[in-house]
C-alpha atoms as a PDB file:
ATOM      1  CA  MET A   1      31.245 -19.314  -8.919  1.00  0.00           C
ATOM      2  CA  ARG A   2      28.482 -19.307 -11.526  1.00  0.00           C
ATOM      3  CA  VAL A   3      27.660 -16.094 -13.156  1.00  0.00           C
ATOM      4  CA  ILE A   4      25.164 -15.130 -16.136  1.00  0.00           C
ATOM      5  CA  THR A   5      27.144 -13.688 -18.978  1.00  0.00           C
ATOM      6  CA  GLN A   6      27.026 -12.704 -22.477  1.00  0.00           C
ATOM      7  CA  LYS A   7      29.548 -12.538 -25.574  1.00  0.00           C
ATOM      8  CA  THR A   8      27.340 -10.439 -27.671  1.00  0.00           C
ATOM      9  CA  VAL A   9      24.140  -8.311 -27.529  1.00  0.00           C
ATOM     10  CA  GLY A  10      20.936  -9.831 -28.900  1.00  0.00           C
ATOM     11  CA  ASP A  11      17.793 -11.348 -27.640  1.00  0.00           C
ATOM     12  CA  ALA A  12      17.518 -13.229 -24.414  1.00  0.00           C
ATOM     13  CA  SER A  13      19.266 -16.436 -25.935  1.00  0.00           C
ATOM     14  CA  VAL A  14      22.626 -14.528 -25.698  1.00  0.00           C
ATOM     15  CA  LEU A  15      22.610 -15.103 -21.721  1.00  0.00           C
ATOM     16  CA  GLU A  16      24.590 -18.028 -20.718  1.00  0.00           C
ATOM     17  CA  VAL A  17      25.972 -19.669 -17.732  1.00  0.00           C
ATOM     18  CA  ALA A  18      29.826 -19.665 -17.040  1.00  0.00           C
ATOM     19  CA  GLU A  19      32.029 -20.434 -14.113  1.00  0.00           C
ATOM     20  CA  VAL A  20      34.575 -17.376 -12.798  1.00  0.00           C
ATOM     21  CA  ALA A  21      36.282 -17.041  -9.966  1.00  0.00           C
ATOM     22  CA  LYS A  22      34.789 -15.439  -6.811  1.00  0.00           C
ATOM     23  CA  PRO A  23      35.840 -11.712  -6.586  1.00  0.00           C
ATOM     24  CA  ALA A  24      37.252 -10.224  -3.403  1.00  0.00           C
ATOM     25  CA  PRO A  25      36.138  -6.861  -1.875  1.00  0.00           C
ATOM     26  CA  GLY A  26      38.355  -4.014  -2.168  1.00  0.00           C
ATOM     27  CA  PRO A  27      38.531  -0.954   0.567  1.00  0.00           C
ATOM     28  CA  GLY A  28      34.885   0.187   1.539  1.00  0.00           C
ATOM     29  CA  GLN A  29      33.642  -2.844  -0.436  1.00  0.00           C
ATOM     30  CA  VAL A  30      31.524  -5.694   0.684  1.00  0.00           C
ATOM     31  CA  LEU A  31      31.709  -9.434  -0.895  1.00  0.00           C
ATOM     32  CA  VAL A  32      27.645 -10.483  -0.992  1.00  0.00           C
ATOM     33  CA  LYS A  33      26.452 -14.028  -1.383  1.00  0.00           C
ATOM     34  CA  VAL A  34      23.602 -13.334  -3.766  1.00  0.00           C
ATOM     35  CA  ASP A  35      20.463 -14.988  -2.663  1.00  0.00           C
ATOM     36  CA  ALA A  36      17.920 -12.995  -5.102  1.00  0.00           C
ATOM     37  CA  ALA A  37      18.826 -10.591  -7.946  1.00  0.00           C
ATOM     38  CA  GLY A  38      15.957  -8.433  -9.462  1.00  0.00           C
ATOM     39  CA  VAL A  39      15.541  -8.376 -13.121  1.00  0.00           C
ATOM     40  CA  ASN A  40      14.563  -4.756 -14.367  1.00  0.00           C
ATOM     41  CA  PRO A  41      13.296  -3.605 -17.779  1.00  0.00           C
ATOM     42  CA  VAL A  42      16.759  -1.583 -18.328  1.00  0.00           C
ATOM     43  CA  ASP A  43      18.884  -4.980 -17.904  1.00  0.00           C
ATOM     44  CA  THR A  44      16.968  -6.016 -21.237  1.00  0.00           C
ATOM     45  CA  TYR A  45      17.904  -2.779 -22.966  1.00  0.00           C
ATOM     46  CA  ILE A  46      21.181  -3.380 -22.169  1.00  0.00           C
ATOM     47  CA  ARG A  47      21.590  -6.790 -23.221  1.00  0.00           C
ATOM     48  CA  ALA A  48      19.970  -6.138 -26.416  1.00  0.00           C
ATOM     49  CA  GLY A  49      22.391  -3.346 -27.049  1.00  0.00           C
ATOM     50  CA  ALA A  50      19.780  -0.846 -27.194  1.00  0.00           C
ATOM     51  CA  TYR A  51      21.448   1.023 -24.080  1.00  0.00           C
ATOM     52  CA  PRO A  52      25.267   0.563 -23.962  1.00  0.00           C
ATOM     53  CA  ALA A  53      25.790   1.156 -20.210  1.00  0.00           C
ATOM     54  CA  LEU A  54      28.403  -1.488 -20.135  1.00  0.00           C
ATOM     55  CA  GLY A  55      30.276  -0.962 -23.220  1.00  0.00           C
ATOM     56  CA  GLU A  56      30.970  -4.320 -25.409  1.00  0.00           C
ATOM     57  CA  PRO A  57      30.416  -7.603 -24.255  1.00  0.00           C
ATOM     58  CA  PRO A  58      31.346  -9.870 -22.424  1.00  0.00           C
ATOM     59  CA  PHE A  59      29.627  -8.672 -19.429  1.00  0.00           C
ATOM     60  CA  THR A  60      27.350  -9.551 -16.529  1.00  0.00           C
ATOM     61  CA  LEU A  61      24.030  -7.754 -16.045  1.00  0.00           C
ATOM     62  CA  GLY A  62      22.323  -7.245 -12.732  1.00  0.00           C
ATOM     63  CA  TRP A  63      22.235  -4.353 -10.072  1.00  0.00           C
ATOM     64  CA  ASP A  64      19.540  -5.414  -7.760  1.00  0.00           C
ATOM     65  CA  VAL A  65      20.774  -7.694  -5.139  1.00  0.00           C
ATOM     66  CA  ALA A  66      19.906  -9.359  -1.957  1.00  0.00           C
ATOM     67  CA  GLY A  67      21.935 -11.701   0.320  1.00  0.00           C
ATOM     68  CA  THR A  68      24.528 -12.309   2.987  1.00  0.00           C
ATOM     69  CA  VAL A  69      27.696 -10.556   3.593  1.00  0.00           C
ATOM     70  CA  GLU A  70      30.391 -13.037   3.060  1.00  0.00           C
ATOM     71  CA  GLN A  71      33.613 -10.613   3.438  1.00  0.00           C
ATOM     72  CA  VAL A  72      34.161  -6.939   4.202  1.00  0.00           C
ATOM     73  CA  GLY A  73      37.073  -5.123   2.718  1.00  0.00           C
ATOM     74  CA  GLU A  74      39.253  -2.742   4.519  1.00  0.00           C
ATOM     75  CA  GLY A  75      37.988   0.061   6.230  1.00  0.00           C
ATOM     76  CA  VAL A  76      34.358  -1.223   6.073  1.00  0.00           C
ATOM     77  CA  GLN A  77      32.275  -0.403   9.295  1.00  0.00           C
ATOM     78  CA  GLY A  78      28.473  -1.295  10.170  1.00  0.00           C
ATOM     79  CA  PHE A  79      28.687  -4.617   8.243  1.00  0.00           C
ATOM     80  CA  ALA A  80      29.900  -8.036   9.159  1.00  0.00           C
ATOM     81  CA  ALA A  81      29.818 -11.359   7.917  1.00  0.00           C
ATOM     82  CA  GLY A  82      26.718 -13.000   8.194  1.00  0.00           C
ATOM     83  CA  ASP A  83      24.537  -9.729   8.137  1.00  0.00           C
ATOM     84  CA  GLU A  84      21.713  -9.917   5.660  1.00  0.00           C
ATOM     85  CA  VAL A  85      21.562  -6.793   3.211  1.00  0.00           C
ATOM     86  CA  TYR A  86      20.492  -5.579   0.193  1.00  0.00           C
ATOM     87  CA  GLY A  87      21.238  -2.966  -2.377  1.00  0.00           C
ATOM     88  CA  LEU A  88      21.623  -1.466  -5.780  1.00  0.00           C
ATOM     89  CA  LEU A  89      25.037  -2.152  -7.053  1.00  0.00           C
ATOM     90  CA  THR A  90      26.682   1.141  -8.541  1.00  0.00           C
ATOM     91  CA  TRP A  91      24.284   2.373 -11.197  1.00  0.00           C
ATOM     92  CA  PRO A  92      25.323   2.126 -14.111  1.00  0.00           C
ATOM     93  CA  GLY A  93      28.642   0.909 -12.685  1.00  0.00           C
ATOM     94  CA  ALA A  94      29.556  -2.419 -13.957  1.00  0.00           C
ATOM     95  CA  GLY A  95      26.727  -4.626 -13.139  1.00  0.00           C
ATOM     96  CA  GLY A  96      27.566  -8.154 -11.787  1.00  0.00           C
ATOM     97  CA  GLY A  97      24.184  -9.003 -10.079  1.00  0.00           C
ATOM     98  CA  TYR A  98      23.596 -12.194 -11.729  1.00  0.00           C
ATOM     99  CA  ALA A  99      25.927 -14.135 -10.039  1.00  0.00           C
ATOM    100  CA  GLU A 100      26.325 -16.205  -6.837  1.00  0.00           C
ATOM    101  CA  TYR A 101      28.468 -13.442  -5.517  1.00  0.00           C
ATOM    102  CA  ALA A 102      28.650  -9.649  -5.847  1.00  0.00           C
ATOM    103  CA  VAL A 103      31.022  -7.055  -4.886  1.00  0.00           C
ATOM    104  CA  ALA A 104      29.337  -3.869  -3.603  1.00  0.00           C
ATOM    105  CA  ASN A 105      30.112  -0.454  -2.092  1.00  0.00           C
ATOM    106  CA  ALA A 106      29.517  -0.836   1.549  1.00  0.00           C
ATOM    107  CA  SER A 107      27.704   2.740   1.420  1.00  0.00           C
ATOM    108  CA  ASP A 108      25.343   1.132  -1.232  1.00  0.00           C
ATOM    109  CA  LEU A 109      24.002  -1.229   1.033  1.00  0.00           C
ATOM    110  CA  ALA A 110      21.211  -1.304   3.898  1.00  0.00           C
ATOM    111  CA  ARG A 111      20.508  -4.224   6.474  1.00  0.00           C
ATOM    112  CA  ARG A 112      17.356  -6.144   4.743  1.00  0.00           C
ATOM    113  CA  PRO A 113      14.113  -5.235   6.812  1.00  0.00           C
ATOM    114  CA  SER A 114      12.016  -7.704   8.571  1.00  0.00           C
ATOM    115  CA  TRP A 115       9.138  -6.855   6.367  1.00  0.00           C
ATOM    116  CA  LEU A 116      10.776  -7.950   3.360  1.00  0.00           C
ATOM    117  CA  THR A 117      11.630 -11.503   2.221  1.00  0.00           C
ATOM    118  CA  LEU A 118      14.985 -12.166   0.519  1.00  0.00           C
ATOM    119  CA  GLU A 119      13.124 -12.471  -2.876  1.00  0.00           C
ATOM    120  CA  GLU A 120      11.233  -9.218  -2.356  1.00  0.00           C
ATOM    121  CA  ALA A 121      14.591  -7.657  -1.013  1.00  0.00           C
ATOM    122  CA  GLY A 122      16.245  -8.437  -4.311  1.00  0.00           C
ATOM    123  CA  ALA A 123      13.407  -7.016  -6.212  1.00  0.00           C
ATOM    124  CA  ALA A 124      13.160  -3.890  -4.589  1.00  0.00           C
ATOM    125  CA  PRO A 125      16.476  -1.502  -4.848  1.00  0.00           C
ATOM    126  CA  MET A 126      15.886  -0.151  -8.330  1.00  0.00           C
ATOM    127  CA  VAL A 127      12.189   0.586  -8.177  1.00  0.00           C
ATOM    128  CA  ALA A 128      12.208   1.997  -4.570  1.00  0.00           C
ATOM    129  CA  LEU A 129      15.323   4.314  -5.119  1.00  0.00           C
ATOM    130  CA  THR A 130      13.715   5.372  -8.273  1.00  0.00           C
ATOM    131  CA  ALA A 131      10.490   6.032  -6.347  1.00  0.00           C
ATOM    132  CA  TRP A 132      11.987   7.717  -3.572  1.00  0.00           C
ATOM    133  CA  GLN A 133      14.421   9.697  -5.150  1.00  0.00           C
ATOM    134  CA  ALA A 134      12.157  11.194  -7.766  1.00  0.00           C
ATOM    135  CA  LEU A 135       9.193  11.764  -5.634  1.00  0.00           C
ATOM    136  CA  VAL A 136      10.582  12.783  -2.645  1.00  0.00           C
ATOM    137  CA  GLY A 137      14.157  14.216  -3.781  1.00  0.00           C
ATOM    138  CA  ARG A 138      13.093  15.837  -7.065  1.00  0.00           C
ATOM    139  CA  GLY A 139       9.089  16.305  -6.459  1.00  0.00           C
ATOM    140  CA  GLY A 140       9.507  17.341  -2.792  1.00  0.00           C
ATOM    141  CA  LEU A 141       6.256  15.310  -2.045  1.00  0.00           C
ATOM    142  CA  SER A 142       4.863  16.330   1.400  1.00  0.00           C
ATOM    143  CA  ALA A 143       1.956  15.457   3.538  1.00  0.00           C
ATOM    144  CA  GLY A 144      -1.505  16.566   2.437  1.00  0.00           C
ATOM    145  CA  GLN A 145      -0.788  16.914  -1.233  1.00  0.00           C
ATOM    146  CA  ARG A 146      -2.895  15.252  -4.035  1.00  0.00           C
ATOM    147  CA  VAL A 147      -0.987  12.932  -6.206  1.00  0.00           C
ATOM    148  CA  LEU A 148      -1.422  11.328  -9.353  1.00  0.00           C
ATOM    149  CA  VAL A 149       0.611   8.383 -10.093  1.00  0.00           C
ATOM    150  CA  HIS A 150       0.618   6.625 -13.398  1.00  0.00           C
ATOM    151  CA  ALA A 151       1.097   2.925 -14.432  1.00  0.00           C
ATOM    152  CA  ALA A 152       0.640   2.808 -10.592  1.00  0.00           C
ATOM    153  CA  ALA A 153       0.673  -1.051 -10.577  1.00  0.00           C
ATOM    154  CA  GLY A 154       3.883  -1.442 -12.382  1.00  0.00           C
ATOM    155  CA  GLY A 155       7.242  -2.221 -10.946  1.00  0.00           C
ATOM    156  CA  VAL A 156       7.980   1.606  -9.865  1.00  0.00           C
ATOM    157  CA  GLY A 157       4.384   2.536  -9.695  1.00  0.00           C
ATOM    158  CA  HIS A 158       3.175   0.389  -6.822  1.00  0.00           C
ATOM    159  CA  VAL A 159       6.172   1.381  -4.721  1.00  0.00           C
ATOM    160  CA  ALA A 160       5.470   5.097  -5.726  1.00  0.00           C
ATOM    161  CA  VAL A 161       2.009   4.787  -4.396  1.00  0.00           C
ATOM    162  CA  GLN A 162       3.030   3.454  -1.088  1.00  0.00           C
ATOM    163  CA  ILE A 163       5.799   6.065  -0.422  1.00  0.00           C
ATOM    164  CA  ALA A 164       3.188   8.599  -1.149  1.00  0.00           C
ATOM    165  CA  LYS A 165       0.684   7.343   1.412  1.00  0.00           C
ATOM    166  CA  ALA A 166       3.574   6.987   3.797  1.00  0.00           C
ATOM    167  CA  ARG A 167       4.017  10.557   3.647  1.00  0.00           C
ATOM    168  CA  GLY A 168       0.607  11.471   4.065  1.00  0.00           C
ATOM    169  CA  ALA A 169      -0.530  12.401   0.502  1.00  0.00           C
ATOM    170  CA  TYR A 170      -3.869  11.563  -1.058  1.00  0.00           C
ATOM    171  CA  VAL A 171      -3.036   9.191  -4.025  1.00  0.00           C
ATOM    172  CA  ILE A 172      -4.815   8.828  -7.371  1.00  0.00           C
ATOM    173  CA  GLY A 173      -3.572   5.810  -9.567  1.00  0.00           C
ATOM    174  CA  THR A 174      -4.130   4.605 -13.252  1.00  0.00           C
ATOM    175  CA  ALA A 175      -4.017   1.229 -13.912  1.00  0.00           C
ATOM    176  CA  SER A 176      -6.413  -1.028 -15.939  1.00  0.00           C
ATOM    177  CA  ALA A 177      -9.566  -2.440 -13.942  1.00  0.00           C
ATOM    178  CA  ALA A 178      -8.146  -5.861 -13.173  1.00  0.00           C
ATOM    179  CA  LYS A 179      -5.455  -4.028 -11.039  1.00  0.00           C
ATOM    180  CA  HIS A 180      -7.798  -2.107  -9.022  1.00  0.00           C
ATOM    181  CA  ASP A 181      -8.039  -4.324  -6.020  1.00  0.00           C
ATOM    182  CA  PHE A 182      -4.392  -4.648  -5.683  1.00  0.00           C
ATOM    183  CA  LEU A 183      -4.152  -0.533  -5.905  1.00  0.00           C
ATOM    184  CA  ARG A 184      -6.682  -0.400  -3.112  1.00  0.00           C
ATOM    185  CA  SER A 185      -4.900  -3.033  -1.193  1.00  0.00           C
ATOM    186  CA  LEU A 186      -1.725  -0.811  -1.038  1.00  0.00           C
ATOM    187  CA  GLY A 187      -3.973   2.347   0.338  1.00  0.00           C
ATOM    188  CA  VAL A 188      -4.474   4.035  -3.186  1.00  0.00           C
ATOM    189  CA  ASP A 189      -7.394   6.332  -2.444  1.00  0.00           C
ATOM    190  CA  GLU A 190      -8.911   6.532  -5.882  1.00  0.00           C
ATOM    191  CA  VAL A 191      -8.262   4.376  -9.057  1.00  0.00           C
ATOM    192  CA  ILE A 192      -8.760   5.260 -12.588  1.00  0.00           C
ATOM    193  CA  ASP A 193      -9.100   2.457 -15.570  1.00  0.00           C
ATOM    194  CA  TYR A 194      -7.033   4.681 -18.165  1.00  0.00           C
ATOM    195  CA  ARG A 195      -8.790   2.188 -20.606  1.00  0.00           C
ATOM    196  CA  HIS A 196     -12.234   3.946 -20.145  1.00  0.00           C
ATOM    197  CA  GLN A 197     -11.731   7.044 -18.021  1.00  0.00           C
ATOM    198  CA  ASP A 198     -10.016  10.268 -18.798  1.00  0.00           C
ATOM    199  CA  PHE A 199      -7.910  10.926 -15.918  1.00  0.00           C
ATOM    200  CA  THR A 200      -7.567  14.813 -16.835  1.00  0.00           C
ATOM    201  CA  GLU A 201     -11.170  15.156 -15.499  1.00  0.00           C
ATOM    202  CA  ILE A 202      -9.930  14.544 -11.879  1.00  0.00           C
ATOM    203  CA  GLU A 203      -9.694  17.470  -9.212  1.00  0.00           C
ATOM    204  CA  PRO A 204      -6.284  19.311  -9.773  1.00  0.00           C
ATOM    205  CA  VAL A 205      -3.541  17.719  -8.204  1.00  0.00           C
ATOM    206  CA  ASP A 206      -0.065  19.016  -6.696  1.00  0.00           C
ATOM    207  CA  VAL A 207       2.309  16.272  -8.032  1.00  0.00           C
ATOM    208  CA  VAL A 208       2.107  13.963 -11.097  1.00  0.00           C
ATOM    209  CA  PHE A 209       4.551  10.851 -11.355  1.00  0.00           C
ATOM    210  CA  ASP A 210       4.765   9.653 -14.728  1.00  0.00           C
ATOM    211  CA  ALA A 211       6.285   6.642 -15.788  1.00  0.00           C
ATOM    212  CA  ILE A 212       4.636   6.410 -19.309  1.00  0.00           C
ATOM    213  CA  GLY A 213       5.815   9.613 -20.949  1.00  0.00           C
ATOM    214  CA  GLY A 214       4.847  10.803 -24.521  1.00  0.00           C
ATOM    215  CA  GLU A 215       1.364  12.290 -24.795  1.00  0.00           C
ATOM    216  CA  TYR A 216       0.668  11.522 -21.136  1.00  0.00           C
ATOM    217  CA  ALA A 217       3.017  14.502 -20.025  1.00  0.00           C
ATOM    218  CA  GLU A 218       1.059  17.070 -21.865  1.00  0.00           C
ATOM    219  CA  ARG A 219      -2.262  15.616 -20.515  1.00  0.00           C
ATOM    220  CA  SER A 220      -1.169  15.058 -17.195  1.00  0.00           C
ATOM    221  CA  ALA A 221      -0.113  19.030 -16.955  1.00  0.00           C
ATOM    222  CA  LYS A 222      -3.557  19.980 -17.576  1.00  0.00           C
ATOM    223  CA  VAL A 223      -4.683  18.380 -13.933  1.00  0.00           C
ATOM    224  CA  LEU A 224      -1.647  20.259 -12.018  1.00  0.00           C
ATOM    225  CA  LYS A 225      -2.596  23.140  -9.653  1.00  0.00           C
ATOM    226  CA  PRO A 226      -0.603  26.398 -10.583  1.00  0.00           C
ATOM    227  CA  GLY A 227       3.046  25.699  -9.181  1.00  0.00           C
ATOM    228  CA  GLY A 228       2.453  21.924  -9.135  1.00  0.00           C
ATOM    229  CA  VAL A 229       5.190  19.756 -10.467  1.00  0.00           C
ATOM    230  CA  LEU A 230       5.316  16.786 -12.987  1.00  0.00           C
ATOM    231  CA  VAL A 231       7.992  14.479 -12.462  1.00  0.00           C
ATOM    232  CA  SER A 232       8.835  11.983 -15.101  1.00  0.00           C
ATOM    233  CA  ILE A 233      11.191   9.107 -14.955  1.00  0.00           C
ATOM    234  CA  ILE A 234      11.053   8.516 -18.836  1.00  0.00           C
ATOM    235  CA  PRO A 235      14.487  10.051 -20.184  1.00  0.00           C
ATOM    236  CA  GLY A 236      13.879   8.907 -23.727  1.00  0.00           C
ATOM    237  CA  ASN A 237      10.365  10.555 -24.576  1.00  0.00           C
ATOM    238  CA  PRO A 238       9.036  12.413 -21.474  1.00  0.00           C
ATOM    239  CA  GLY A 239       6.979  14.500 -24.115  1.00  0.00           C
ATOM    240  CA  PHE A 240       7.558  17.510 -21.884  1.00  0.00           C
ATOM    241  CA  ASP A 241      10.068  20.165 -21.020  1.00  0.00           C
ATOM    242  CA  VAL A 242      11.053  22.983 -18.649  1.00  0.00           C
ATOM    243  CA  ASP A 243       9.933  25.776 -21.158  1.00  0.00           C
ATOM    244  CA  ARG A 244       6.445  24.127 -21.668  1.00  0.00           C
ATOM    245  CA  ALA A 245       6.231  23.885 -18.000  1.00  0.00           C
ATOM    246  CA  ALA A 246       7.154  27.361 -17.339  1.00  0.00           C
ATOM    247  CA  ASP A 247       4.561  28.469 -19.996  1.00  0.00           C
ATOM    248  CA  LEU A 248       2.032  26.656 -17.866  1.00  0.00           C
ATOM    249  CA  GLY A 249       3.075  28.051 -14.465  1.00  0.00           C
ATOM    250  CA  ILE A 250       4.292  24.536 -13.145  1.00  0.00           C
ATOM    251  CA  ARG A 251       7.493  22.776 -12.820  1.00  0.00           C
ATOM    252  CA  PHE A 252       8.748  19.877 -14.644  1.00  0.00           C
ATOM    253  CA  GLU A 253      11.309  17.308 -12.958  1.00  0.00           C
ATOM    254  CA  LEU A 254      12.995  14.892 -15.582  1.00  0.00           C
ATOM    255  CA  PHE A 255      14.334  12.189 -13.065  1.00  0.00           C
ATOM    256  CA  ASN A 256      17.483  10.319 -14.936  1.00  0.00           C
ATOM    257  CA  SER A 257      19.977  10.339 -12.080  1.00  0.00           C
ATOM    258  CA  LEU A 258      19.288   7.197  -9.999  1.00  0.00           C
ATOM    259  CA  SER A 259      21.990   6.756  -7.483  1.00  0.00           C
ATOM    260  CA  ALA A 260      22.725   3.826  -5.150  1.00  0.00           C
ATOM    261  CA  SER A 261      22.130   4.607  -1.690  1.00  0.00           C
ATOM    262  CA  GLY A 262      22.276   2.273   1.604  1.00  0.00           C
ATOM    263  CA  ALA A 263      21.145   5.685   3.519  1.00  0.00           C
ATOM    264  CA  ASP A 264      17.833   6.131   0.931  1.00  0.00           C
ATOM    265  CA  LEU A 265      17.188   2.427   1.388  1.00  0.00           C
ATOM    266  CA  THR A 266      17.153   2.746   5.260  1.00  0.00           C
ATOM    267  CA  ALA A 267      14.793   6.005   5.176  1.00  0.00           C
ATOM    268  CA  LEU A 268      12.011   3.951   3.269  1.00  0.00           C
ATOM    269  CA  PRO A 269       8.849   3.399   4.845  1.00  0.00           C
ATOM    270  CA  GLN A 270       7.681  -0.205   5.299  1.00  0.00           C
ATOM    271  CA  LEU A 271       6.684  -1.314   1.791  1.00  0.00           C
ATOM    272  CA  ARG A 272       5.170  -4.373  -0.169  1.00  0.00           C
ATOM    273  CA  VAL A 273       7.147  -5.324  -3.043  1.00  0.00           C
ATOM    274  CA  ARG A 274       5.241  -7.710  -5.237  1.00  0.00           C
ATOM    275  CA  LEU A 275       6.700 -10.742  -7.168  1.00  0.00           C
ATOM    276  CA  ASP A 276       5.360 -11.780 -10.214  1.00  0.00           C
ATOM    277  CA  HIS A 277       8.110 -14.684 -10.944  1.00  0.00           C
ATOM    278  CA  VAL A 278      10.991 -16.424  -9.318  1.00  0.00           C
ATOM    279  CA  VAL A 279      13.252 -18.038 -11.614  1.00  0.00           C
ATOM    280  CA  PRO A 280      16.396 -19.949 -11.089  1.00  0.00           C
ATOM    281  CA  LEU A 281      19.602 -18.068 -12.208  1.00  0.00           C
ATOM    282  CA  ALA A 282      20.450 -20.654 -14.912  1.00  0.00           C
ATOM    283  CA  ASP A 283      17.275 -19.510 -16.583  1.00  0.00           C
ATOM    284  CA  ALA A 284      18.148 -15.888 -16.751  1.00  0.00           C
ATOM    285  CA  ALA A 285      16.997 -16.103 -20.460  1.00  0.00           C
ATOM    286  CA  LYS A 286      13.495 -17.019 -19.303  1.00  0.00           C
ATOM    287  CA  ALA A 287      13.369 -14.321 -16.690  1.00  0.00           C
ATOM    288  CA  HIS A 288      14.356 -11.624 -19.611  1.00  0.00           C
ATOM    289  CA  GLU A 289      11.436 -12.934 -21.796  1.00  0.00           C
ATOM    290  CA  LEU A 290       9.085 -12.336 -19.167  1.00  0.00           C
ATOM    291  CA  VAL A 291      10.041  -9.018 -18.586  1.00  0.00           C
ATOM    292  CA  GLU A 292       9.990  -8.185 -22.391  1.00  0.00           C
ATOM    293  CA  SER A 293       6.601  -9.613 -22.251  1.00  0.00           C
ATOM    294  CA  LYS A 294       5.246  -6.857 -20.607  1.00  0.00           C
ATOM    295  CA  ARG A 295       2.487  -8.749 -19.213  1.00  0.00           C
ATOM    296  CA  THR A 296       4.142  -9.173 -15.400  1.00  0.00           C
ATOM    297  CA  THR A 297       2.564  -7.688 -12.564  1.00  0.00           C
ATOM    298  CA  GLY A 298       5.203  -6.746 -10.217  1.00  0.00           C
ATOM    299  CA  LYS A 299       8.905  -7.923 -10.531  1.00  0.00           C
ATOM    300  CA  VAL A 300      10.650 -10.886 -11.866  1.00  0.00           C
ATOM    301  CA  VAL A 301      13.691 -12.212  -9.468  1.00  0.00           C
ATOM    302  CA  LEU A 302      16.684 -14.692 -10.121  1.00  0.00           C
ATOM    303  CA  VAL A 303      17.624 -16.899  -7.268  1.00  0.00           C
ATOM    304  CA  PRO A 304      20.796 -19.272  -7.067  1.00  0.00           C
END
C-alpha cells in the first residue's frame, strides 16, 4: 500500500510517498481502508520536529481517519468488514493515518453518521473530540449557560459552537467580520469582530473556550461570572493558571489530554464540518503548506 513517510524532520518537502506492506489488525483492532485522512496543525509541528510525539523518523503522520472496515481482529465485536467508520487513531500513539490502510483500536472507532460525508468524517475526529472533551468533559457545559468561544470559525472553534448550541447554551463567538455569516449559519447567537470590538465589554458569561491563549486568557477572565470556568486548549502558552483563577474566584481548566474514543464520537450531536481543501494523498506536502499558511477556513483532508 501507499503511505506518506518522512526520513527526517523539516519543512513540508520532507514528506514523500512510499510503498509498504499492508498491516494486519491485532486483537481488539480493526484494519480500515482509509478514504479520508484529516490534516491538523499538530501534524505540521510533529513533521517539523517542534513536537517530538513520534520520536525519530522515519514515521507516518495522521490520526484522523474515515473509511471502510477491511478486516477485524480477534475479539472485535460491533464491527464487520464493509462497515463505514471514522475515528481518531490512538493519540499520540504511532500515527499512520496518511496511508491507504490504517490499523485502529475498535474502541476508538464509531460508525460514520449519515450527516457526515466521508471527507467530512475524515476531518472531524480530532477537532470534535477536542471540543467535546474540553467543553463538556472539563468545562461541564450545560443548558442555559452563556458561552464565549474564541477563534469560533477555526477548526476546533466551529465545532465547539455547534456542541454548545446543541446543549442549549447561548453562544458568542469571536472571528473576523468575513466569517460572521458562517458563524450565524451555525447558530451562533452573537458574533464579535475581534479586530474592531472589545469582547470584554459583553455581558458576563459562564464559560470561555479559549483556542488562542496568551493575553486572551487574562482578558477572558474579566468576562466570566463568579464561579465561571475558563477552558483553554493551548498547552504551550495558555496565559493563565489555577492560582490566578483562584484569586479571581473562577475556575481554570487546561485541556491537554485528548483521548481517542468511539463512545464520545457516538455521543456527538449532529455537526457540520467545514472543508477548505480536499487534497490527493500523494500531495500531502501541499496539504501541509495549506495548513501552515493559516489562511484556511475549516479543515484540509487527504484522499487516496
